[in-house]
Amino acid sequence: MIANDVIINPVVTEKTMRGSPMKKYTFKVAKSAGKIEIRKAVEEIFKVKVMKVNVLNIRGRLRRQRGKQGYTPSWKKAVVRLTSGSKAIDFFDSMV
């Protein structure tokens, strides 16, 4: 897989932004991507060193609208922690 196919987009919420001072960043990733592929993609795109990758599978939630119900799509989330000597990711630092 190409690095841009592995990382779909960053997850920007209040909870995920609390991790940026500790160099923890959250991304929405491809369902088929593993920890090693995610590590290589982040290192290639942002030119940083990754210390640890945690991966979570997020299940779709039940939603109802006008008497009909369905599920939101399920997706995969990766929490990436950078090494202490690595520079921070500029995208997240501009948002804090």
Protein backbone atom coordinates (compact mmCIF):
# COMPACT_ATOMS: atom_id res chain seq x y z
CA MET A 1 0.00 0.00 0.00
CA ILE A 2 1.05 3.58 -0.64
CA ALA A 3 1.47 5.79 2.45
CA ASN A 4 -1.35 8.11 1.35
CA ASP A 5 -3.70 5.12 1.04
CA VAL A 6 -2.92 3.94 4.59
CA ILE A 7 -3.67 7.22 6.40
CA ILE A 8 -7.11 8.52 5.44
CA ASN A 9 -7.34 11.64 7.62
CA PRO A 10 -6.43 12.98 11.08
CA VAL A 11 -8.97 12.75 13.90
CA VAL A 12 -9.35 16.23 15.41
CA THR A 13 -11.43 16.27 18.59
CA GLU A 14 -10.93 17.81 22.03
CA LYS A 15 -9.85 14.46 23.44
CA THR A 16 -7.31 13.71 20.71
CA MET A 17 -5.86 17.22 20.86
CA ARG A 18 -5.04 16.72 24.58
CA GLY A 19 -2.42 14.18 23.49
CA SER A 20 -0.48 16.50 21.19
CA PRO A 21 1.77 17.99 23.96
CA MET A 22 2.84 14.37 24.69
CA LYS A 23 3.39 13.80 20.95
CA LYS A 24 0.37 11.48 20.60
CA TYR A 25 -1.56 11.87 17.37
CA THR A 26 -4.71 10.12 16.15
CA PHE A 27 -5.50 9.15 12.56
CA LYS A 28 -8.28 7.39 10.68
CA VAL A 29 -6.56 4.60 8.74
CA ALA A 30 -7.44 1.95 6.17
CA LYS A 31 -9.14 -1.13 7.61
CA SER A 32 -6.58 -3.46 6.05
CA ALA A 33 -3.55 -1.56 7.44
CA GLY A 34 -1.45 -3.08 10.20
CA LYS A 35 0.73 -1.43 12.83
CA ILE A 36 3.92 -1.72 10.78
CA GLU A 37 2.30 -0.20 7.68
CA ILE A 38 0.87 2.66 9.74
CA ARG A 39 4.27 3.33 11.33
CA LYS A 40 6.00 3.46 7.94
CA ALA A 41 3.29 5.69 6.45
CA VAL A 42 3.47 8.26 9.28
CA GLU A 43 7.27 8.31 9.14
CA GLU A 44 7.22 8.78 5.36
CA ILE A 45 4.52 11.47 5.19
CA PHE A 46 5.46 13.61 8.21
CA LYS A 47 9.24 12.86 8.37
CA VAL A 48 9.17 11.89 12.07
CA LYS A 49 10.23 8.87 14.17
CA VAL A 50 7.42 6.74 15.61
CA MET A 51 7.88 5.05 18.98
CA LYS A 52 4.55 3.24 19.35
CA VAL A 53 1.33 2.57 17.42
CA ASN A 54 -1.99 1.55 19.02
CA VAL A 55 -4.84 0.45 16.76
CA LEU A 56 -8.58 0.37 17.53
CA ASN A 57 -11.45 -0.95 15.40
CA ILE A 58 -14.44 1.37 15.84
CA ARG A 59 -17.81 -0.32 15.34
CA GLY A 60 -20.61 1.46 13.51
CA ARG A 61 -23.25 2.97 15.78
CA LEU A 62 -27.00 2.55 15.44
CA ARG A 63 -28.71 5.73 14.23
CA ARG A 64 -32.39 6.42 13.63
CA GLN A 65 -33.88 9.04 11.36
CA ARG A 66 -37.56 9.48 10.46
CA GLY A 67 -38.58 6.01 11.57
CA LYS A 68 -35.77 4.26 9.72
CA GLN A 69 -32.66 2.91 11.33
CA GLY A 70 -29.22 2.03 10.13
CA TYR A 71 -25.60 1.91 11.18
CA THR A 72 -22.81 4.41 10.66
CA PRO A 73 -19.79 2.92 8.90
CA SER A 74 -17.20 1.10 10.99
CA TRP A 75 -13.59 2.33 10.74
CA LYS A 76 -10.10 1.88 12.13
CA LYS A 77 -8.31 4.38 14.37
CA ALA A 78 -4.57 4.57 15.05
CA VAL A 79 -2.98 6.44 17.96
CA VAL A 80 0.65 7.17 17.08
CA ARG A 81 3.24 8.19 19.69
CA LEU A 82 6.45 9.84 18.51
CA THR A 83 9.90 9.53 20.07
CA SER A 84 11.05 12.28 22.45
CA GLY A 85 13.77 13.42 20.05
CA SER A 86 11.38 13.66 17.10
CA LYS A 87 9.85 16.93 15.95
CA ALA A 88 6.12 17.50 16.39
CA ILE A 89 3.68 17.23 13.49
CA ASP A 90 3.00 20.75 12.22
CA PHE A 91 -0.64 20.09 11.30
CA PHE A 92 -1.64 19.36 14.89
CA ASP A 93 0.52 22.09 16.43
CA SER A 94 -1.20 24.79 14.39
CA MET A 95 -4.58 23.73 15.82
CA VAL A 96 -3.66 23.92 19.52
